[in-house]
């Protein structure tokens, strides 16, 4: 029993790395999603084209290949990253591409009359977006952002391919040492599920807070 407690401790250490990856990757994805999503709505063709190229590239290529490029190919260009940095960058850019379309769709879903009212009040484009459009669009984004965060959590398993000691990597180590596949992978299955439940709970709380007072306001 003491042997298995040691192996469980090893898996929990990997779970801490998985949580770190999920948190930092989600933060990067959120920033990238807003930048690229709003860039897709820009008046300037070059900005829209650049954002579209980013979105289509990262949605259209494998996360495995993206991770290998970030970790193994970038050093040839003089950019060397730790496994954790490479994992965060690859996951953040990949999920951010999906989030960008969520941002664009939510902003476009706000009624045209809202923009017309802002123009009548002589608000600048920044003021319209900051004070009128985004406060109404954000609650529309949250359910899909929740899905994206959970997908990013599950996607953290790919970093085991670059020897980052996340939960999946540690589970593989435990399986190799014990020969037990069922108990080892059942353990990380439960842990992934509990983490996903935690993300869902936080997102539901945020959605409740952000929609407070908006009933009857959104078009």
N, C-alpha and C. Protein backbone atom coordinates (compact mmCIF):
# COMPACT_ATOMS: atom_id res chain seq x y z
N UNK A 1 0.84 -1.21 0.00
CA UNK A 1 0.00 0.00 0.00
C UNK A 1 0.87 1.26 0.00
N UNK A 2 1.97 1.20 0.78
CA UNK A 2 2.86 2.35 0.83
C UNK A 2 3.50 2.61 -0.52
N UNK A 3 3.75 1.52 -1.29
CA UNK A 3 4.31 1.66 -2.62
C UNK A 3 3.35 2.42 -3.52
N UNK A 4 2.07 2.04 -3.45
CA UNK A 4 1.06 2.70 -4.30
C UNK A 4 0.84 4.16 -3.87
N UNK A 5 1.00 4.45 -2.58
CA UNK A 5 0.87 5.84 -2.15
C UNK A 5 1.98 6.69 -2.75
N UNK A 6 3.16 6.08 -2.89
CA UNK A 6 4.26 6.79 -3.54
C UNK A 6 3.97 7.04 -5.01
N UNK A 7 3.39 6.05 -5.68
CA UNK A 7 3.05 6.22 -7.09
C UNK A 7 1.93 7.26 -7.26
N UNK A 8 0.97 7.26 -6.32
CA UNK A 8 -0.10 8.25 -6.37
C UNK A 8 0.47 9.65 -6.19
N UNK A 9 1.44 9.78 -5.30
CA UNK A 9 2.10 11.06 -5.10
C UNK A 9 2.77 11.52 -6.39
N UNK A 10 3.35 10.59 -7.13
CA UNK A 10 3.99 10.93 -8.40
C UNK A 10 2.96 11.45 -9.40
N UNK A 11 1.82 10.79 -9.46
CA UNK A 11 0.75 11.23 -10.38
C UNK A 11 0.22 12.60 -9.96
N UNK A 12 0.09 12.83 -8.65
CA UNK A 12 -0.41 14.12 -8.18
C UNK A 12 0.58 15.25 -8.48
N UNK A 13 1.87 14.92 -8.45
CA UNK A 13 2.87 15.92 -8.86
C UNK A 13 2.67 16.28 -10.33
N UNK A 14 2.37 15.27 -11.14
CA UNK A 14 2.06 15.53 -12.54
C UNK A 14 0.78 16.33 -12.71
N UNK A 15 -0.18 16.11 -11.80
CA UNK A 15 -1.43 16.86 -11.86
C UNK A 15 -1.19 18.34 -11.63
N UNK A 16 -0.23 18.66 -10.76
CA UNK A 16 0.12 20.07 -10.52
C UNK A 16 0.64 20.71 -11.80
N UNK A 17 1.49 19.98 -12.52
CA UNK A 17 2.00 20.49 -13.80
C UNK A 17 0.87 20.67 -14.79
N UNK A 18 -0.07 19.72 -14.82
CA UNK A 18 -1.22 19.83 -15.71
C UNK A 18 -2.06 21.06 -15.40
N UNK A 19 -2.27 21.34 -14.12
CA UNK A 19 -3.02 22.53 -13.71
C UNK A 19 -2.29 23.80 -14.15
N UNK A 20 -0.97 23.83 -13.96
CA UNK A 20 -0.19 24.98 -14.38
C UNK A 20 -0.30 25.20 -15.88
N UNK A 21 -0.17 24.13 -16.64
CA UNK A 21 -0.30 24.22 -18.10
C UNK A 21 -1.67 24.74 -18.49
N UNK A 22 -2.71 24.22 -17.85
CA UNK A 22 -4.08 24.62 -18.17
C UNK A 22 -4.31 26.09 -17.86
N UNK A 23 -3.86 26.53 -16.70
CA UNK A 23 -4.06 27.92 -16.29
C UNK A 23 -3.31 28.88 -17.20
N UNK A 24 -2.02 28.63 -17.40
CA UNK A 24 -1.21 29.53 -18.22
C UNK A 24 -1.61 29.46 -19.69
N UNK A 25 -1.91 28.26 -20.17
CA UNK A 25 -2.34 28.12 -21.56
C UNK A 25 -3.67 28.82 -21.81
N UNK A 26 -4.59 28.72 -20.85
CA UNK A 26 -5.89 29.38 -20.99
C UNK A 26 -5.74 30.90 -20.97
N UNK A 27 -4.85 31.40 -20.12
CA UNK A 27 -4.61 32.84 -20.06
C UNK A 27 -4.07 33.35 -21.39
N UNK A 28 -3.10 32.62 -21.95
CA UNK A 28 -2.56 33.01 -23.25
C UNK A 28 -3.62 32.90 -24.34
N UNK A 29 -4.39 31.83 -24.32
CA UNK A 29 -5.43 31.63 -25.32
C UNK A 29 -6.47 32.75 -25.27
N UNK A 30 -6.81 33.19 -24.06
CA UNK A 30 -7.81 34.25 -23.91
C UNK A 30 -7.31 35.55 -24.52
N UNK A 31 -6.06 35.90 -24.23
CA UNK A 31 -5.48 37.13 -24.79
C UNK A 31 -5.43 37.05 -26.31
N UNK A 32 -4.94 35.93 -26.81
CA UNK A 32 -4.82 35.75 -28.27
C UNK A 32 -6.19 35.75 -28.93
N UNK A 33 -7.18 35.13 -28.28
CA UNK A 33 -8.53 35.06 -28.84
C UNK A 33 -9.12 36.45 -29.04
N UNK A 34 -8.95 37.32 -28.04
CA UNK A 34 -9.50 38.67 -28.15
C UNK A 34 -8.75 39.49 -29.20
N UNK A 35 -7.43 39.35 -29.23
CA UNK A 35 -6.66 40.11 -30.22
C UNK A 35 -7.04 39.68 -31.63
N UNK A 36 -7.01 38.37 -31.88
CA UNK A 36 -7.31 37.87 -33.22
C UNK A 36 -8.78 38.04 -33.58
N UNK A 37 -9.67 37.82 -32.61
CA UNK A 37 -11.10 37.95 -32.89
C UNK A 37 -11.50 39.36 -33.24
N UNK A 38 -10.98 40.33 -32.48
CA UNK A 38 -11.29 41.73 -32.78
C UNK A 38 -10.57 42.19 -34.05
N UNK A 39 -9.38 41.61 -34.30
CA UNK A 39 -8.67 41.94 -35.54
C UNK A 39 -9.46 41.50 -36.77
N UNK A 40 -10.22 40.41 -36.61
CA UNK A 40 -11.06 39.92 -37.72
C UNK A 40 -12.18 40.91 -38.06
N UNK A 41 -12.47 41.81 -37.12
CA UNK A 41 -13.53 42.81 -37.34
C UNK A 41 -12.95 44.17 -37.71
N UNK A 42 -11.65 44.22 -37.93
CA UNK A 42 -10.98 45.49 -38.23
C UNK A 42 -11.44 46.06 -39.57
N UNK A 43 -11.34 47.38 -39.69
CA UNK A 43 -11.64 48.05 -40.96
C UNK A 43 -10.53 47.85 -41.97
N UNK A 44 -9.36 47.44 -41.51
CA UNK A 44 -8.19 47.35 -42.38
C UNK A 44 -8.02 45.92 -42.90
N UNK A 45 -7.89 45.80 -44.20
CA UNK A 45 -7.80 44.48 -44.83
C UNK A 45 -6.58 43.71 -44.35
N UNK A 46 -5.43 44.38 -44.23
CA UNK A 46 -4.19 43.70 -43.83
C UNK A 46 -4.33 43.08 -42.44
N UNK A 47 -4.97 43.80 -41.54
CA UNK A 47 -5.16 43.29 -40.18
C UNK A 47 -6.09 42.08 -40.21
N UNK A 48 -7.20 42.19 -40.96
CA UNK A 48 -8.13 41.06 -41.07
C UNK A 48 -7.46 39.85 -41.70
N UNK A 49 -6.65 40.08 -42.73
CA UNK A 49 -5.99 38.99 -43.43
C UNK A 49 -4.99 38.28 -42.52
N UNK A 50 -4.24 39.05 -41.74
CA UNK A 50 -3.27 38.47 -40.83
C UNK A 50 -3.95 37.62 -39.76
N UNK A 51 -5.04 38.14 -39.21
CA UNK A 51 -5.78 37.40 -38.18
C UNK A 51 -6.39 36.13 -38.77
N UNK A 52 -6.93 36.24 -39.98
CA UNK A 52 -7.53 35.07 -40.63
C UNK A 52 -6.48 34.01 -40.91
N UNK A 53 -5.30 34.42 -41.36
CA UNK A 53 -4.21 33.47 -41.64
C UNK A 53 -3.81 32.72 -40.37
N UNK A 54 -3.70 33.46 -39.27
CA UNK A 54 -3.36 32.82 -38.00
C UNK A 54 -4.42 31.79 -37.60
N UNK A 55 -5.68 32.21 -37.66
CA UNK A 55 -6.77 31.33 -37.23
C UNK A 55 -6.82 30.07 -38.08
N UNK A 56 -6.78 30.23 -39.40
CA UNK A 56 -6.89 29.08 -40.28
C UNK A 56 -5.69 28.15 -40.15
N UNK A 57 -4.50 28.72 -39.94
CA UNK A 57 -3.30 27.88 -39.80
C UNK A 57 -3.38 27.02 -38.55
N UNK A 58 -3.70 27.63 -37.42
CA UNK A 58 -3.69 26.87 -36.17
C UNK A 58 -4.91 25.96 -36.02
N UNK A 59 -6.01 26.29 -36.69
CA UNK A 59 -7.14 25.37 -36.68
C UNK A 59 -6.95 24.23 -37.67
N UNK A 60 -6.16 24.48 -38.70
CA UNK A 60 -6.02 23.51 -39.78
C UNK A 60 -4.83 22.58 -39.67
N UNK A 61 -4.00 22.75 -38.64
CA UNK A 61 -2.84 21.87 -38.46
C UNK A 61 -2.92 21.19 -37.10
N UNK A 62 -2.21 20.09 -36.97
CA UNK A 62 -2.28 19.27 -35.77
C UNK A 62 -1.54 19.92 -34.61
N UNK A 63 -2.12 19.80 -33.41
CA UNK A 63 -1.48 20.31 -32.21
C UNK A 63 -0.16 19.58 -31.96
N UNK A 64 -0.07 18.31 -32.36
CA UNK A 64 1.18 17.56 -32.21
C UNK A 64 2.29 18.23 -33.02
N UNK A 65 1.98 18.54 -34.28
CA UNK A 65 2.97 19.16 -35.15
C UNK A 65 3.34 20.54 -34.64
N UNK A 66 2.35 21.30 -34.19
CA UNK A 66 2.61 22.64 -33.65
C UNK A 66 3.54 22.57 -32.44
N UNK A 67 3.29 21.60 -31.56
CA UNK A 67 4.12 21.44 -30.37
C UNK A 67 5.55 21.08 -30.76
N UNK A 68 5.71 20.17 -31.71
CA UNK A 68 7.05 19.77 -32.15
C UNK A 68 7.79 20.93 -32.80
N UNK A 69 7.06 21.75 -33.56
CA UNK A 69 7.69 22.92 -34.17
C UNK A 69 8.18 23.89 -33.10
N UNK A 70 7.33 24.15 -32.13
CA UNK A 70 7.69 25.11 -31.08
C UNK A 70 8.90 24.61 -30.28
N UNK A 71 8.93 23.31 -29.98
CA UNK A 71 9.96 22.79 -29.09
C UNK A 71 11.24 22.38 -29.83
N UNK A 72 11.07 21.78 -31.02
CA UNK A 72 12.23 21.22 -31.72
C UNK A 72 12.75 22.09 -32.86
N UNK A 73 11.87 22.88 -33.51
CA UNK A 73 12.28 23.64 -34.69
C UNK A 73 12.69 25.07 -34.34
N UNK A 74 11.98 25.70 -33.42
CA UNK A 74 12.32 27.09 -33.06
C UNK A 74 13.77 27.26 -32.59
N UNK A 75 14.36 26.27 -31.91
CA UNK A 75 15.77 26.44 -31.53
C UNK A 75 16.70 26.69 -32.72
N UNK A 76 16.33 26.19 -33.91
CA UNK A 76 17.15 26.47 -35.09
C UNK A 76 17.08 27.94 -35.48
N UNK A 77 16.02 28.63 -35.04
CA UNK A 77 15.90 30.07 -35.29
C UNK A 77 16.42 30.88 -34.10
N UNK A 78 17.04 30.21 -33.16
CA UNK A 78 17.61 30.90 -32.01
C UNK A 78 16.66 31.08 -30.85
N UNK A 79 15.49 30.43 -30.90
CA UNK A 79 14.49 30.56 -29.83
C UNK A 79 14.37 29.21 -29.13
N UNK A 80 14.96 29.10 -27.96
CA UNK A 80 14.93 27.85 -27.20
C UNK A 80 14.00 28.00 -26.00
N UNK A 81 13.03 27.11 -25.90
CA UNK A 81 12.04 27.16 -24.83
C UNK A 81 12.14 25.93 -23.95
N UNK A 82 11.78 26.09 -22.70
CA UNK A 82 11.68 24.92 -21.81
C UNK A 82 10.44 24.12 -22.23
N UNK A 83 10.34 22.86 -21.82
CA UNK A 83 9.15 22.08 -22.15
C UNK A 83 7.85 22.76 -21.68
N UNK A 84 7.88 23.36 -20.49
CA UNK A 84 6.68 24.04 -19.98
C UNK A 84 6.33 25.23 -20.85
N UNK A 85 7.31 26.05 -21.21
CA UNK A 85 7.06 27.21 -22.07
C UNK A 85 6.55 26.79 -23.44
N UNK A 86 7.14 25.74 -23.98
CA UNK A 86 6.71 25.25 -25.30
C UNK A 86 5.27 24.74 -25.24
N UNK A 87 4.95 24.02 -24.16
CA UNK A 87 3.58 23.51 -24.02
C UNK A 87 2.56 24.62 -23.90
N UNK A 88 2.87 25.62 -23.08
CA UNK A 88 1.96 26.75 -22.90
C UNK A 88 1.77 27.50 -24.21
N UNK A 89 2.87 27.74 -24.93
CA UNK A 89 2.78 28.49 -26.18
C UNK A 89 1.97 27.74 -27.23
N UNK A 90 2.26 26.45 -27.41
CA UNK A 90 1.55 25.67 -28.42
C UNK A 90 0.06 25.55 -28.09
N UNK A 91 -0.25 25.23 -26.85
CA UNK A 91 -1.65 25.08 -26.45
C UNK A 91 -2.39 26.41 -26.51
N UNK A 92 -1.74 27.48 -26.04
CA UNK A 92 -2.38 28.79 -26.04
C UNK A 92 -2.69 29.27 -27.44
N UNK A 93 -1.74 29.12 -28.36
CA UNK A 93 -1.96 29.57 -29.74
C UNK A 93 -3.00 28.71 -30.44
N UNK A 94 -2.99 27.41 -30.16
CA UNK A 94 -3.96 26.51 -30.80
C UNK A 94 -5.38 26.81 -30.34
N UNK A 95 -5.59 26.85 -29.05
CA UNK A 95 -6.94 27.09 -28.52
C UNK A 95 -7.36 28.54 -28.76
N UNK A 96 -6.40 29.45 -28.76
CA UNK A 96 -6.72 30.85 -29.04
C UNK A 96 -7.31 31.05 -30.42
N UNK A 97 -6.90 30.21 -31.38
CA UNK A 97 -7.45 30.32 -32.73
C UNK A 97 -8.94 29.98 -32.75
N UNK A 98 -9.33 28.99 -31.96
CA UNK A 98 -10.75 28.66 -31.86
C UNK A 98 -11.50 29.74 -31.09
N UNK A 99 -10.87 30.24 -30.03
CA UNK A 99 -11.50 31.29 -29.24
C UNK A 99 -11.70 32.57 -30.01
N UNK A 100 -10.82 32.84 -30.98
CA UNK A 100 -10.95 34.06 -31.79
C UNK A 100 -12.27 34.10 -32.54
N UNK A 101 -12.68 32.95 -33.06
CA UNK A 101 -13.95 32.91 -33.77
C UNK A 101 -15.13 33.05 -32.81
N UNK A 102 -14.95 32.62 -31.58
CA UNK A 102 -15.98 32.82 -30.56
C UNK A 102 -16.16 34.31 -30.28
N UNK A 103 -15.05 35.02 -30.15
CA UNK A 103 -15.10 36.46 -29.90
C UNK A 103 -15.77 37.17 -31.07
N UNK A 104 -15.33 36.85 -32.27
CA UNK A 104 -15.90 37.50 -33.46
C UNK A 104 -17.40 37.24 -33.56
N UNK A 105 -17.81 35.98 -33.36
CA UNK A 105 -19.23 35.64 -33.47
C UNK A 105 -20.08 36.33 -32.42
N UNK A 106 -19.57 36.43 -31.19
CA UNK A 106 -20.33 37.06 -30.11
C UNK A 106 -20.50 38.55 -30.36
N UNK A 107 -19.44 39.20 -30.83
CA UNK A 107 -19.52 40.63 -31.11
C UNK A 107 -20.50 40.88 -32.25
N UNK A 108 -20.44 40.03 -33.28
CA UNK A 108 -21.36 40.20 -34.42
C UNK A 108 -22.81 39.92 -34.03
N UNK A 109 -23.00 39.15 -32.95
CA UNK A 109 -24.36 38.80 -32.53
C UNK A 109 -25.09 39.96 -31.85
N UNK A 110 -24.33 40.97 -31.41
CA UNK A 110 -24.97 42.14 -30.79
C UNK A 110 -25.67 42.95 -31.87
N UNK A 111 -26.90 43.29 -31.62
CA UNK A 111 -27.73 43.95 -32.62
C UNK A 111 -27.12 45.22 -33.21
N UNK A 112 -27.37 45.44 -34.48
CA UNK A 112 -26.84 46.61 -35.18
C UNK A 112 -27.34 47.91 -34.54
N UNK A 113 -28.52 47.85 -33.95
CA UNK A 113 -29.08 49.07 -33.35
C UNK A 113 -28.23 49.56 -32.18
N UNK A 114 -27.50 48.63 -31.53
CA UNK A 114 -26.61 49.04 -30.45
C UNK A 114 -25.50 49.94 -30.98
N UNK A 115 -24.92 49.54 -32.09
CA UNK A 115 -23.86 50.34 -32.71
C UNK A 115 -24.40 51.67 -33.20
N UNK A 116 -25.58 51.65 -33.80
CA UNK A 116 -26.17 52.88 -34.29
C UNK A 116 -26.45 53.85 -33.15
N UNK A 117 -26.89 53.32 -32.00
CA UNK A 117 -27.13 54.18 -30.83
C UNK A 117 -25.82 54.79 -30.33
N UNK A 118 -24.75 54.00 -30.38
CA UNK A 118 -23.44 54.51 -29.95
C UNK A 118 -22.95 55.62 -30.88
N UNK A 119 -23.20 55.43 -32.18
CA UNK A 119 -22.80 56.46 -33.15
C UNK A 119 -23.59 57.73 -32.90
N UNK A 120 -24.89 57.59 -32.58
CA UNK A 120 -25.72 58.75 -32.30
C UNK A 120 -25.23 59.50 -31.07
N UNK A 121 -24.61 58.76 -30.14
CA UNK A 121 -24.08 59.39 -28.93
C UNK A 121 -22.65 59.88 -29.11
N UNK A 122 -22.15 59.76 -30.35
CA UNK A 122 -20.80 60.23 -30.70
C UNK A 122 -19.70 59.50 -29.93
N UNK A 123 -19.91 58.20 -29.69
CA UNK A 123 -18.88 57.40 -29.03
C UNK A 123 -17.87 56.92 -30.06
N UNK A 124 -16.60 56.87 -29.69
CA UNK A 124 -15.58 56.36 -30.58
C UNK A 124 -15.70 54.84 -30.72
N UNK A 125 -14.98 54.26 -31.68
CA UNK A 125 -15.02 52.81 -31.85
C UNK A 125 -14.55 52.10 -30.58
N UNK A 126 -13.50 52.63 -29.96
CA UNK A 126 -13.00 52.02 -28.73
C UNK A 126 -14.04 52.10 -27.62
N UNK A 127 -14.67 53.26 -27.48
CA UNK A 127 -15.68 53.43 -26.44
C UNK A 127 -16.88 52.52 -26.68
N UNK A 128 -17.28 52.40 -27.95
CA UNK A 128 -18.40 51.50 -28.28
C UNK A 128 -18.09 50.08 -27.87
N UNK A 129 -16.88 49.63 -28.21
CA UNK A 129 -16.49 48.25 -27.91
C UNK A 129 -16.32 48.05 -26.41
N UNK A 130 -15.67 48.99 -25.76
CA UNK A 130 -15.32 48.84 -24.34
C UNK A 130 -16.54 48.92 -23.43
N UNK A 131 -17.43 49.87 -23.68
CA UNK A 131 -18.51 50.13 -22.73
C UNK A 131 -19.88 49.57 -23.14
N UNK A 132 -20.06 49.27 -24.41
CA UNK A 132 -21.39 48.85 -24.86
C UNK A 132 -21.39 47.43 -25.43
N UNK A 133 -20.53 47.18 -26.41
CA UNK A 133 -20.59 45.90 -27.13
C UNK A 133 -20.02 44.74 -26.30
N UNK A 134 -18.79 44.88 -25.82
CA UNK A 134 -18.15 43.76 -25.10
C UNK A 134 -18.89 43.35 -23.82
N UNK A 135 -19.41 44.29 -23.01
CA UNK A 135 -20.15 43.84 -21.81
C UNK A 135 -21.35 42.96 -22.15
N UNK A 136 -21.95 43.18 -23.34
CA UNK A 136 -23.07 42.34 -23.75
C UNK A 136 -22.60 41.06 -24.45
N UNK A 137 -21.44 41.13 -25.11
CA UNK A 137 -20.94 39.97 -25.86
C UNK A 137 -20.26 38.95 -24.96
N UNK A 138 -19.63 39.40 -23.90
CA UNK A 138 -18.87 38.49 -23.03
C UNK A 138 -19.70 37.32 -22.50
N UNK A 139 -20.92 37.56 -21.99
CA UNK A 139 -21.72 36.42 -21.51
C UNK A 139 -22.02 35.41 -22.61
N UNK A 140 -22.10 35.88 -23.86
CA UNK A 140 -22.34 34.96 -24.97
C UNK A 140 -21.12 34.09 -25.25
N UNK A 141 -19.95 34.60 -24.92
CA UNK A 141 -18.71 33.85 -25.18
C UNK A 141 -18.44 32.77 -24.14
N UNK A 142 -18.90 32.99 -22.92
CA UNK A 142 -18.46 32.14 -21.81
C UNK A 142 -18.76 30.65 -21.97
N UNK A 143 -19.95 30.23 -22.44
CA UNK A 143 -20.17 28.78 -22.58
C UNK A 143 -19.16 28.12 -23.52
N UNK A 144 -18.85 28.78 -24.63
CA UNK A 144 -17.88 28.20 -25.55
C UNK A 144 -16.47 28.32 -25.02
N UNK A 145 -16.17 29.41 -24.31
CA UNK A 145 -14.87 29.52 -23.66
C UNK A 145 -14.67 28.38 -22.65
N UNK A 146 -15.75 27.99 -21.98
CA UNK A 146 -15.68 26.87 -21.05
C UNK A 146 -15.29 25.60 -21.78
N UNK A 147 -15.92 25.35 -22.93
CA UNK A 147 -15.58 24.18 -23.74
C UNK A 147 -14.12 24.24 -24.19
N UNK A 148 -13.69 25.42 -24.59
CA UNK A 148 -12.30 25.58 -25.04
C UNK A 148 -11.31 25.29 -23.92
N UNK A 149 -11.62 25.77 -22.72
CA UNK A 149 -10.73 25.54 -21.57
C UNK A 149 -10.64 24.06 -21.24
N UNK A 150 -11.77 23.36 -21.33
CA UNK A 150 -11.76 21.93 -21.06
C UNK A 150 -10.98 21.18 -22.14
N UNK A 151 -11.14 21.61 -23.40
CA UNK A 151 -10.37 21.01 -24.48
C UNK A 151 -8.87 21.25 -24.28
N UNK A 152 -8.52 22.44 -23.79
CA UNK A 152 -7.11 22.73 -23.52
C UNK A 152 -6.60 21.83 -22.39
N UNK A 153 -7.43 21.64 -21.36
CA UNK A 153 -7.05 20.74 -20.27
C UNK A 153 -6.73 19.35 -20.81
N UNK A 154 -7.61 18.82 -21.64
CA UNK A 154 -7.39 17.48 -22.19
C UNK A 154 -6.20 17.47 -23.15
N UNK A 155 -5.99 18.61 -23.83
CA UNK A 155 -4.88 18.69 -24.77
C UNK A 155 -3.53 18.74 -24.11
N UNK A 156 -3.49 19.02 -22.79
CA UNK A 156 -2.20 19.07 -22.10
C UNK A 156 -1.49 17.72 -22.13
N UNK A 157 -2.23 16.65 -22.39
CA UNK A 157 -1.60 15.32 -22.43
C UNK A 157 -0.54 15.23 -23.51
N UNK A 158 -0.62 16.07 -24.55
CA UNK A 158 0.35 15.97 -25.64
C UNK A 158 1.75 16.38 -25.20
N UNK A 159 1.86 17.17 -24.12
CA UNK A 159 3.18 17.64 -23.71
C UNK A 159 4.04 16.51 -23.17
N UNK A 160 3.42 15.37 -22.87
CA UNK A 160 4.21 14.22 -22.43
C UNK A 160 5.15 13.77 -23.55
N UNK A 161 4.84 14.14 -24.79
CA UNK A 161 5.67 13.76 -25.93
C UNK A 161 7.00 14.50 -25.95
N UNK A 162 7.07 15.64 -25.22
CA UNK A 162 8.34 16.37 -25.15
C UNK A 162 8.93 16.24 -23.74
N UNK A 163 8.54 15.16 -23.07
CA UNK A 163 9.10 14.79 -21.76
C UNK A 163 8.80 15.78 -20.65
N UNK A 164 7.70 16.51 -20.78
CA UNK A 164 7.25 17.35 -19.66
C UNK A 164 6.47 16.46 -18.70
N UNK A 165 6.81 16.52 -17.43
CA UNK A 165 6.26 15.57 -16.45
C UNK A 165 4.86 15.95 -16.00
N UNK A 166 3.94 15.99 -16.94
CA UNK A 166 2.54 16.25 -16.60
C UNK A 166 1.91 14.96 -16.07
N UNK A 167 0.61 15.00 -15.87
CA UNK A 167 -0.08 13.86 -15.29
C UNK A 167 -0.02 12.62 -16.18
N UNK A 168 -0.17 12.81 -17.48
CA UNK A 168 -0.11 11.67 -18.40
C UNK A 168 1.29 11.06 -18.44
N UNK A 169 2.31 11.92 -18.45
CA UNK A 169 3.69 11.43 -18.45
C UNK A 169 3.96 10.60 -17.20
N UNK A 170 3.55 11.12 -16.05
CA UNK A 170 3.78 10.40 -14.80
C UNK A 170 2.99 9.10 -14.76
N UNK A 171 1.81 9.09 -15.34
CA UNK A 171 1.03 7.85 -15.39
C UNK A 171 1.74 6.79 -16.23
N UNK A 172 2.37 7.22 -17.30
CA UNK A 172 3.12 6.28 -18.12
C UNK A 172 4.31 5.72 -17.36
N UNK A 173 4.96 6.57 -16.55
CA UNK A 173 6.08 6.12 -15.72
C UNK A 173 5.59 5.08 -14.71
N UNK A 174 4.47 5.37 -14.04
CA UNK A 174 3.92 4.44 -13.05
C UNK A 174 3.52 3.13 -13.71
N UNK A 175 2.90 3.20 -14.87
CA UNK A 175 2.50 1.96 -15.56
C UNK A 175 3.72 1.12 -15.93
N UNK A 176 4.79 1.79 -16.37
CA UNK A 176 6.00 1.06 -16.74
C UNK A 176 6.64 0.38 -15.53
N UNK A 177 6.53 1.02 -14.36
CA UNK A 177 7.17 0.47 -13.17
C UNK A 177 6.33 -0.59 -12.48
N UNK A 178 5.01 -0.47 -12.59
CA UNK A 178 4.12 -1.40 -11.88
C UNK A 178 3.50 -2.45 -12.79
N UNK A 179 3.42 -2.13 -14.07
CA UNK A 179 2.75 -3.03 -15.00
C UNK A 179 1.23 -2.94 -14.92
N UNK A 180 0.73 -2.03 -14.08
CA UNK A 180 -0.72 -1.86 -13.91
C UNK A 180 -1.23 -0.75 -14.81
N UNK A 181 -2.05 -1.13 -15.78
CA UNK A 181 -2.62 -0.14 -16.69
C UNK A 181 -3.96 0.37 -16.18
N UNK A 182 -4.80 -0.55 -15.70
CA UNK A 182 -6.16 -0.19 -15.29
C UNK A 182 -6.17 0.83 -14.16
N UNK A 183 -5.49 0.53 -13.06
CA UNK A 183 -5.52 1.42 -11.90
C UNK A 183 -4.88 2.77 -12.23
N UNK A 184 -3.75 2.72 -12.95
CA UNK A 184 -3.01 3.95 -13.25
C UNK A 184 -3.82 4.90 -14.09
N UNK A 185 -4.38 4.38 -15.19
CA UNK A 185 -5.09 5.28 -16.10
C UNK A 185 -6.51 5.57 -15.62
N UNK A 186 -7.07 4.71 -14.77
CA UNK A 186 -8.35 5.05 -14.14
C UNK A 186 -8.16 6.23 -13.19
N UNK A 187 -7.00 6.28 -12.54
CA UNK A 187 -6.71 7.38 -11.61
C UNK A 187 -6.64 8.71 -12.35
N UNK A 188 -5.90 8.76 -13.45
CA UNK A 188 -5.79 10.05 -14.15
C UNK A 188 -7.09 10.37 -14.88
N UNK A 189 -7.87 9.35 -15.23
CA UNK A 189 -9.18 9.60 -15.83
C UNK A 189 -10.06 10.37 -14.85
N UNK A 190 -10.08 9.93 -13.61
CA UNK A 190 -10.87 10.60 -12.56
C UNK A 190 -10.33 12.01 -12.31
N UNK A 191 -9.02 12.15 -12.28
CA UNK A 191 -8.43 13.46 -12.03
C UNK A 191 -8.76 14.45 -13.15
N UNK A 192 -8.66 14.01 -14.39
CA UNK A 192 -9.04 14.89 -15.51
C UNK A 192 -10.51 15.29 -15.40
N UNK A 193 -11.36 14.33 -15.03
CA UNK A 193 -12.79 14.61 -14.91
C UNK A 193 -13.05 15.65 -13.82
N UNK A 194 -12.38 15.51 -12.68
CA UNK A 194 -12.57 16.45 -11.58
C UNK A 194 -12.08 17.85 -11.97
N UNK A 195 -10.97 17.91 -12.70
CA UNK A 195 -10.48 19.21 -13.16
C UNK A 195 -11.47 19.86 -14.12
N UNK A 196 -12.04 19.06 -15.02
CA UNK A 196 -13.03 19.60 -15.96
C UNK A 196 -14.27 20.10 -15.23
N UNK A 197 -14.69 19.37 -14.20
CA UNK A 197 -15.83 19.83 -13.39
C UNK A 197 -15.52 21.16 -12.72
N UNK A 198 -14.29 21.32 -12.24
CA UNK A 198 -13.91 22.57 -11.59
C UNK A 198 -13.96 23.73 -12.58
N UNK A 199 -13.48 23.51 -13.80
CA UNK A 199 -13.53 24.54 -14.84
C UNK A 199 -14.97 24.93 -15.13
N UNK A 200 -15.83 23.93 -15.27
CA UNK A 200 -17.25 24.19 -15.56
C UNK A 200 -17.90 25.00 -14.44
N UNK A 201 -17.57 24.66 -13.20
CA UNK A 201 -18.15 25.38 -12.06
C UNK A 201 -17.71 26.84 -12.04
N UNK A 202 -16.44 27.09 -12.30
CA UNK A 202 -15.93 28.46 -12.33
C UNK A 202 -16.59 29.25 -13.45
N UNK A 203 -16.73 28.64 -14.61
CA UNK A 203 -17.33 29.33 -15.75
C UNK A 203 -18.81 29.63 -15.51
N UNK A 204 -19.52 28.71 -14.87
CA UNK A 204 -20.93 28.97 -14.55
C UNK A 204 -21.04 30.14 -13.57
N UNK A 205 -20.13 30.19 -12.59
CA UNK A 205 -20.13 31.30 -11.63
C UNK A 205 -19.85 32.62 -12.34
N UNK A 206 -18.88 32.61 -13.25
CA UNK A 206 -18.57 33.83 -14.00
C UNK A 206 -19.75 34.27 -14.86
N UNK A 207 -20.39 33.30 -15.50
CA UNK A 207 -21.54 33.63 -16.35
C UNK A 207 -22.66 34.24 -15.52
N UNK A 208 -22.87 33.69 -14.33
CA UNK A 208 -23.91 34.23 -13.44
C UNK A 208 -23.58 35.66 -13.03
N UNK A 209 -22.31 35.91 -12.69
CA UNK A 209 -21.90 37.25 -12.28
C UNK A 209 -22.00 38.25 -13.42
N UNK A 210 -21.62 37.84 -14.62
CA UNK A 210 -21.56 38.78 -15.74
C UNK A 210 -22.93 39.06 -16.35
N UNK A 211 -23.88 38.14 -16.16
CA UNK A 211 -25.21 38.37 -16.71
C UNK A 211 -26.13 39.09 -15.72
N UNK A 212 -25.64 39.29 -14.51
CA UNK A 212 -26.46 39.98 -13.50
C UNK A 212 -26.75 41.41 -13.96
N UNK A 213 -28.00 41.75 -14.05
CA UNK A 213 -28.40 43.10 -14.43
C UNK A 213 -28.51 43.32 -15.94
N UNK A 214 -28.23 42.26 -16.72
CA UNK A 214 -28.29 42.43 -18.18
C UNK A 214 -29.61 41.92 -18.78
N UNK A 215 -30.49 41.36 -17.97
CA UNK A 215 -31.76 40.88 -18.49
C UNK A 215 -32.53 42.01 -19.15
N UNK A 216 -32.91 41.75 -20.37
CA UNK A 216 -33.68 42.74 -21.10
C UNK A 216 -32.85 43.82 -21.74
N UNK A 217 -31.50 43.76 -21.57
CA UNK A 217 -30.63 44.79 -22.13
C UNK A 217 -30.09 44.35 -23.48
N UNK A 218 -29.62 43.04 -23.57
CA UNK A 218 -29.03 42.57 -24.81
C UNK A 218 -30.09 42.46 -25.89
N UNK A 219 -29.66 42.83 -27.11
CA UNK A 219 -30.60 42.78 -28.22
C UNK A 219 -30.70 41.37 -28.77
